[in-house]
């Protein structure tokens, strides 16, 4: 393809008119029309501006068929990011589902006394409050599966990240606008489910005060609460990962060590990593000393997750001095 054909392809891909492109390049519409029809050739300065505007190399623009850049690479990138988003959401959902199942089994145990409160174990040792933490093992199975997913697909993502330090703008303005509509729907759906979940929990406790007095009923209500959370949170995680997929500019900035976005990301990773390590230490201390394995995990990691979110927001609004 000629330079004119490449320019026309790039302009239409981004849903830009000749007038809009002319304004951005500070030339007349007639000049753009002549470039696209190959009756005139832009100056070197304008070629550089065009390359920067559409995120393509000069050699690709002048000598190659730029449309080929958006076929194989786009499909690979799109599939990679879609799978990553789905698996990250699935991993989070599996953990929350494990918490829900743990509380459900604990409630059933209290109801039907599968494990008595006091018993002699296999070694003949007398154990008090034997049902405490019986089903934590179930949660740990779910956590193990989720961690395996995080490690496997996290490594794949990291490998792809290292190999693709700069990407062209695969998505047109119309594609991005269509995603923004879907993104708003996903966020609204996730938040709505959480609010409905809270309303259900509060209503149950208000209408049936006996729930707070009977331990197994309280476990059932918490299990229901966590089950709906296991639906809502993965939706939000998936929405966030998809939003990251469409933000090609941010991807490229993350590979530029001198960019503001790169510095902020590094700081956020360090702060959140430290917070999660502190949360893990507290979880182990509370678990081994107070034996509150199940509840402590839900509370401690939720609280420190909120701290991590707050820290990320603060860092995002911080300006780094050059």
Protein backbone atom coordinates (compact mmCIF):
# COMPACT_ATOMS: atom_id res chain seq x y z
CA UNK A 1 0.00 0.00 0.00
CA UNK A 2 1.08 3.57 -0.65
CA UNK A 3 1.45 6.24 1.98
CA UNK A 4 -1.88 7.73 0.92
CA UNK A 5 -3.69 4.39 1.26
CA UNK A 6 -2.07 3.77 4.66
CA UNK A 7 -3.05 7.23 5.86
CA UNK A 8 -6.64 6.73 4.71
CA UNK A 9 -6.79 3.34 6.46
CA UNK A 10 -5.46 4.77 9.74
CA UNK A 11 -7.81 7.74 9.62
CA UNK A 12 -10.89 5.61 9.00
CA UNK A 13 -9.83 3.08 11.61
CA UNK A 14 -9.86 5.80 14.25
CA UNK A 15 -13.11 7.23 12.89
CA UNK A 16 -11.49 10.59 12.08
CA UNK A 17 -12.64 12.82 9.22
CA UNK A 18 -10.25 14.57 6.88
CA UNK A 19 -11.20 17.88 8.52
CA UNK A 20 -10.39 16.57 12.00
CA UNK A 21 -7.06 15.13 10.88
CA UNK A 22 -6.20 18.40 9.14
CA UNK A 23 -6.88 20.33 12.35
CA UNK A 24 -4.60 18.05 14.37
CA UNK A 25 -1.82 18.37 11.81
CA UNK A 26 -2.46 22.10 11.30
CA UNK A 27 -2.92 21.81 7.56
CA UNK A 28 -5.87 22.25 5.21
CA UNK A 29 -8.39 19.52 4.43
CA UNK A 30 -7.31 19.73 0.78
CA UNK A 31 -3.76 18.81 1.81
CA UNK A 32 -4.97 15.67 3.58
CA UNK A 33 -7.11 14.79 0.56
CA UNK A 34 -4.12 15.13 -1.75
CA UNK A 35 -1.95 12.98 0.54
CA UNK A 36 -4.55 10.23 0.59
CA UNK A 37 -4.96 10.31 -3.18
CA UNK A 38 -1.15 10.25 -3.59
CA UNK A 39 -1.20 13.45 -5.66
CA UNK A 40 0.98 15.17 -3.05
CA UNK A 41 3.47 14.07 -0.42
CA UNK A 42 3.60 15.40 3.17
CA UNK A 43 6.72 17.03 4.55
CA UNK A 44 8.96 15.02 6.85
CA UNK A 45 7.72 16.96 9.87
CA UNK A 46 4.13 16.02 9.06
CA UNK A 47 5.05 12.37 8.48
CA UNK A 48 6.58 12.28 11.97
CA UNK A 49 3.40 13.84 13.39
CA UNK A 50 1.27 11.24 11.58
CA UNK A 51 3.42 8.42 12.98
CA UNK A 52 3.08 9.79 16.52
CA UNK A 53 -0.66 10.36 16.09
CA UNK A 54 -1.43 6.82 14.93
CA UNK A 55 1.39 5.05 16.83
CA UNK A 56 3.02 3.50 13.76
CA UNK A 57 6.58 3.40 12.54
CA UNK A 58 7.72 5.59 9.67
CA UNK A 59 8.83 2.58 7.62
CA UNK A 60 5.41 0.97 8.09
CA UNK A 61 3.61 4.14 7.06
CA UNK A 62 5.70 4.90 3.98
CA UNK A 63 6.67 1.49 2.60
CA UNK A 64 4.43 -1.23 4.07
CA UNK A 65 0.78 -2.17 4.43
CA UNK A 66 -0.17 -0.88 7.89
CA UNK A 67 -3.44 -2.81 7.85
CA UNK A 68 -1.41 -6.00 8.40
CA UNK A 69 -0.30 -4.60 11.77
CA UNK A 70 -3.87 -4.73 13.00
CA UNK A 71 -4.76 -8.27 11.95
CA UNK A 72 -2.51 -10.89 13.54
CA UNK A 73 -1.19 -8.71 16.34
CA UNK A 74 -4.63 -7.44 17.30
CA UNK A 75 -6.11 -10.95 17.38
CA UNK A 76 -3.22 -12.23 19.51
CA UNK A 77 -3.40 -9.28 21.89
CA UNK A 78 -7.19 -9.43 22.14
CA UNK A 79 -7.24 -13.17 22.88
CA UNK A 80 -4.40 -12.87 25.39
CA UNK A 81 -6.03 -10.05 27.34
CA UNK A 82 -9.49 -11.66 27.26
CA UNK A 83 -8.18 -14.93 28.68
CA UNK A 84 -6.17 -13.05 31.32
CA UNK A 85 -9.22 -11.01 32.38
CA UNK A 86 -11.43 -14.11 32.61
CA UNK A 87 -8.91 -16.11 34.63
CA UNK A 88 -8.16 -13.30 37.08
CA UNK A 89 -11.89 -12.85 37.66
CA UNK A 90 -12.30 -16.63 37.99
CA UNK A 91 -9.49 -16.82 40.56
CA UNK A 92 -11.07 -14.13 42.73
CA UNK A 93 -14.47 -15.78 42.36
CA UNK A 94 -13.09 -19.18 43.39
CA UNK A 95 -11.65 -17.77 46.62
CA UNK A 96 -14.90 -16.01 47.53
CA UNK A 97 -16.89 -19.12 46.63
CA UNK A 98 -14.62 -21.11 48.95
CA UNK A 99 -15.38 -18.69 51.79
CA UNK A 100 -19.12 -19.07 51.12
CA UNK A 101 -18.87 -22.87 51.11
CA UNK A 102 -16.82 -22.83 54.32
CA UNK A 103 -19.53 -20.91 56.18
CA UNK A 104 -22.24 -23.12 54.68
CA UNK A 105 -20.51 -26.31 55.82
CA UNK A 106 -19.82 -24.78 59.23
CA UNK A 107 -23.53 -23.99 59.58
CA UNK A 108 -24.53 -27.50 58.52
CA UNK A 109 -22.04 -28.90 61.00
CA UNK A 110 -23.58 -26.85 63.80
CA UNK A 111 -27.05 -27.94 62.73
CA UNK A 112 -26.42 -31.66 62.36
CA UNK A 113 -23.34 -32.02 64.61
CA UNK A 114 -21.20 -33.88 62.11
CA UNK A 115 -18.24 -33.10 64.37
CA UNK A 116 -18.92 -32.80 68.12
CA UNK A 117 -17.62 -29.83 70.05
CA UNK A 118 -15.40 -32.07 72.17
CA UNK A 119 -13.92 -35.40 71.12
CA UNK A 120 -10.85 -37.63 71.24
CA UNK A 121 -8.74 -37.46 68.09
CA UNK A 122 -6.99 -40.37 66.39
CA UNK A 123 -4.08 -40.15 68.85
CA UNK A 124 -6.41 -40.28 71.84
CA UNK A 125 -5.93 -36.61 72.68
CA UNK A 126 -8.98 -34.85 74.14
CA UNK A 127 -9.91 -31.87 71.97
CA UNK A 128 -12.23 -29.05 73.01
CA UNK A 129 -14.20 -27.00 70.50
CA UNK A 130 -13.36 -29.50 67.81
CA UNK A 131 -15.57 -27.97 65.17
CA UNK A 132 -13.54 -24.74 65.17
CA UNK A 133 -11.73 -24.53 61.87
CA UNK A 134 -12.84 -27.97 60.65
CA UNK A 135 -13.76 -26.61 57.24
CA UNK A 136 -10.87 -24.20 56.81
CA UNK A 137 -9.28 -26.98 54.77
CA UNK A 138 -12.11 -26.63 52.26
CA UNK A 139 -11.33 -22.94 51.89
CA UNK A 140 -7.63 -23.68 51.47
CA UNK A 141 -8.41 -26.05 48.57
CA UNK A 142 -10.20 -23.22 46.78
CA UNK A 143 -7.41 -20.78 47.64
CA UNK A 144 -4.82 -23.24 46.28
CA UNK A 145 -6.70 -23.56 42.98
CA UNK A 146 -6.99 -19.76 42.73
CA UNK A 147 -3.30 -19.22 43.52
CA UNK A 148 -2.36 -21.75 40.83
CA UNK A 149 -4.49 -19.79 38.34
CA UNK A 150 -2.94 -16.48 39.41
CA UNK A 151 0.61 -17.85 39.07
CA UNK A 152 0.05 -19.59 35.72
CA UNK A 153 -1.74 -16.77 33.93
CA UNK A 154 0.25 -14.10 35.74
CA UNK A 155 3.45 -15.58 34.33
CA UNK A 156 1.92 -15.76 30.86
CA UNK A 157 0.87 -12.14 31.12
CA UNK A 158 4.34 -11.16 32.33
CA UNK A 159 5.98 -12.98 29.43
CA UNK A 160 3.70 -11.24 26.92
CA UNK A 161 4.32 -7.93 28.67
CA UNK A 162 8.11 -8.26 28.32
CA UNK A 163 7.94 -9.22 24.64
CA UNK A 164 5.59 -6.40 23.60
CA UNK A 165 7.06 -3.16 24.88
CA UNK A 166 5.19 -0.99 22.39
CA UNK A 167 1.82 -1.63 20.77
CA UNK A 168 -0.05 0.21 18.03
CA UNK A 169 -3.53 1.53 18.74
CA UNK A 170 -5.49 -1.56 17.72
CA UNK A 171 -8.94 -0.23 18.57
CA UNK A 172 -10.93 2.39 16.74
CA UNK A 173 -12.85 5.13 18.53
CA UNK A 174 -16.12 3.32 17.79
CA UNK A 175 -14.81 0.09 19.36
CA UNK A 176 -13.67 1.97 22.45
CA UNK A 177 -17.02 3.75 22.70
CA UNK A 178 -18.85 0.43 22.45
CA UNK A 179 -16.71 -1.01 25.24
CA UNK A 180 -17.35 2.04 27.44
CA UNK A 181 -21.07 1.25 27.27
CA UNK A 182 -20.42 -2.37 28.26
CA UNK A 183 -18.02 -1.23 30.99
CA UNK A 184 -20.65 1.04 32.54
CA UNK A 185 -23.14 -1.84 32.51
CA UNK A 186 -20.68 -4.26 34.16
CA UNK A 187 -19.77 -1.78 36.90
CA UNK A 188 -23.45 -1.01 37.52
CA UNK A 189 -24.27 -4.73 37.64
CA UNK A 190 -21.47 -5.54 40.11
CA UNK A 191 -22.26 -2.65 42.44
CA UNK A 192 -26.00 -3.38 42.27
CA UNK A 193 -25.48 -7.02 43.26
CA UNK A 194 -23.35 -5.95 46.23
CA UNK A 195 -25.99 -3.44 47.37
CA UNK A 196 -28.77 -6.01 46.99
CA UNK A 197 -26.61 -8.45 48.94
CA UNK A 198 -26.23 -5.97 51.81
CA UNK A 199 -29.96 -5.21 51.76
CA UNK A 200 -30.81 -8.92 51.93
CA UNK A 201 -28.43 -9.52 54.85
CA UNK A 202 -29.68 -6.50 56.82
CA UNK A 203 -33.32 -7.35 56.07
CA UNK A 204 -32.92 -10.95 57.19
CA UNK A 205 -31.40 -9.89 60.50
CA UNK A 206 -34.11 -7.24 60.98
CA UNK A 207 -37.03 -9.52 60.12
CA UNK A 208 -35.65 -12.57 61.89
CA UNK A 209 -33.65 -11.48 64.98
CA UNK A 210 -33.35 -15.15 65.89
CA UNK A 211 -30.65 -15.45 63.20
CA UNK A 212 -28.16 -13.64 65.42
CA UNK A 213 -28.95 -15.96 68.32
CA UNK A 214 -28.66 -19.26 66.45
CA UNK A 215 -25.12 -19.82 65.24
CA UNK A 216 -25.89 -22.07 62.29
CA UNK A 217 -28.47 -19.63 60.90
CA UNK A 218 -25.93 -16.84 61.14
CA UNK A 219 -23.46 -19.00 59.23
CA UNK A 220 -26.08 -19.63 56.53
CA UNK A 221 -26.73 -15.89 56.15
CA UNK A 222 -23.00 -15.16 55.86
CA UNK A 223 -22.68 -17.99 53.32
CA UNK A 224 -25.45 -16.42 51.22
CA UNK A 225 -23.81 -13.01 51.52
CA UNK A 226 -20.43 -14.33 50.36
CA UNK A 227 -22.06 -16.29 47.51
CA UNK A 228 -23.48 -13.10 46.02
CA UNK A 229 -20.16 -11.33 46.63
CA UNK A 230 -18.53 -14.20 44.69
CA UNK A 231 -20.72 -13.20 41.75
CA UNK A 232 -20.33 -9.41 42.00
CA UNK A 233 -16.60 -9.00 42.62
CA UNK A 234 -15.44 -11.10 39.62
CA UNK A 235 -17.65 -8.95 37.40
CA UNK A 236 -15.85 -5.85 38.67
CA UNK A 237 -12.44 -7.51 38.30
CA UNK A 238 -13.24 -8.56 34.73
CA UNK A 239 -14.49 -5.06 33.89
CA UNK A 240 -11.29 -3.50 35.21
CA UNK A 241 -9.08 -5.92 33.28
CA UNK A 242 -11.02 -5.26 30.07
CA UNK A 243 -10.67 -1.51 30.58
CA UNK A 244 -6.92 -2.03 30.84
CA UNK A 245 -7.00 -3.96 27.55
CA UNK A 246 -8.41 -1.03 25.63
CA UNK A 247 -5.98 1.47 27.17
CA UNK A 248 -3.09 0.94 24.75
CA UNK A 249 -1.58 4.30 25.65
CA UNK A 250 -1.24 3.22 29.27
CA UNK A 251 0.37 -0.07 28.16
CA UNK A 252 3.05 1.82 26.24
CA UNK A 253 3.58 4.28 29.10
CA UNK A 254 4.11 1.36 31.51
CA UNK A 255 7.13 0.33 29.45
CA UNK A 256 8.65 3.80 29.58
CA UNK A 257 10.69 4.03 32.79
CA UNK A 258 10.70 7.83 32.57
CA UNK A 259 6.93 8.18 32.32
CA UNK A 260 4.73 9.34 35.19
CA UNK A 261 2.48 6.28 34.84
CA UNK A 262 5.43 3.87 35.17
CA UNK A 263 6.65 5.52 38.39
CA UNK A 264 3.17 5.50 39.90
CA UNK A 265 2.68 1.84 39.01
CA UNK A 266 5.97 0.83 40.59
CA UNK A 267 5.09 2.68 43.80
CA UNK A 268 1.60 1.17 43.91
CA UNK A 269 3.03 -2.33 43.51
CA UNK A 270 5.54 -1.77 46.31
CA UNK A 271 2.97 -0.29 48.72
CA UNK A 272 0.30 -2.92 48.03
CA UNK A 273 2.87 -5.69 48.25
CA UNK A 274 3.96 -4.48 51.71
CA UNK A 275 0.34 -4.17 52.86
CA UNK A 276 -0.47 -7.71 51.74
CA UNK A 277 2.62 -9.07 53.52
CA UNK A 278 1.53 -7.31 56.72
CA UNK A 279 -1.97 -8.78 56.25
CA UNK A 280 -0.50 -12.27 55.88
CA UNK A 281 1.59 -11.87 59.03
CA UNK A 282 -1.47 -10.72 61.00
CA UNK A 283 -3.53 -13.59 59.56
CA UNK A 284 -0.97 -16.16 60.71
CA UNK A 285 -0.64 -14.56 64.16
CA UNK A 286 -4.40 -14.40 64.70
CA UNK A 287 -4.86 -17.88 63.28
CA UNK A 288 -2.22 -19.64 65.40
CA UNK A 289 -2.85 -17.70 68.62
CA UNK A 290 -6.61 -17.11 68.59
CA UNK A 291 -7.52 -19.96 66.21
CA UNK A 292 -9.73 -17.64 64.14
CA UNK A 293 -8.62 -19.02 60.79
CA UNK A 294 -11.71 -18.58 58.65
CA UNK A 295 -13.06 -15.28 59.94
CA UNK A 296 -9.64 -13.65 60.25
CA UNK A 297 -8.89 -14.30 56.58
CA UNK A 298 -12.14 -12.67 55.47
CA UNK A 299 -11.71 -9.63 57.73
CA UNK A 300 -7.95 -9.01 57.57
CA UNK A 301 -7.56 -9.38 53.82
CA UNK A 302 -10.70 -7.34 53.15
CA UNK A 303 -9.47 -4.49 55.36
CA UNK A 304 -5.98 -4.47 53.88
CA UNK A 305 -7.47 -4.75 50.40
CA UNK A 306 -9.34 -1.52 51.13
CA UNK A 307 -6.10 0.05 52.42
CA UNK A 308 -4.40 -0.98 49.16
CA UNK A 309 -7.19 0.63 47.15
CA UNK A 310 -6.94 3.86 49.15
CA UNK A 311 -3.15 3.93 48.73
CA UNK A 312 -3.52 3.39 44.98
CA UNK A 313 -5.93 6.32 44.68
CA UNK A 314 -3.58 8.59 46.65
CA UNK A 315 -0.58 7.56 44.54
CA UNK A 316 -2.56 8.04 41.32
CA UNK A 317 -3.19 11.67 42.25
CA UNK A 318 0.42 12.31 43.24
CA UNK A 319 2.69 14.19 40.87
CA UNK A 320 6.31 13.09 40.55
CA UNK A 321 9.00 15.71 40.19
CA UNK A 322 11.35 15.15 37.30
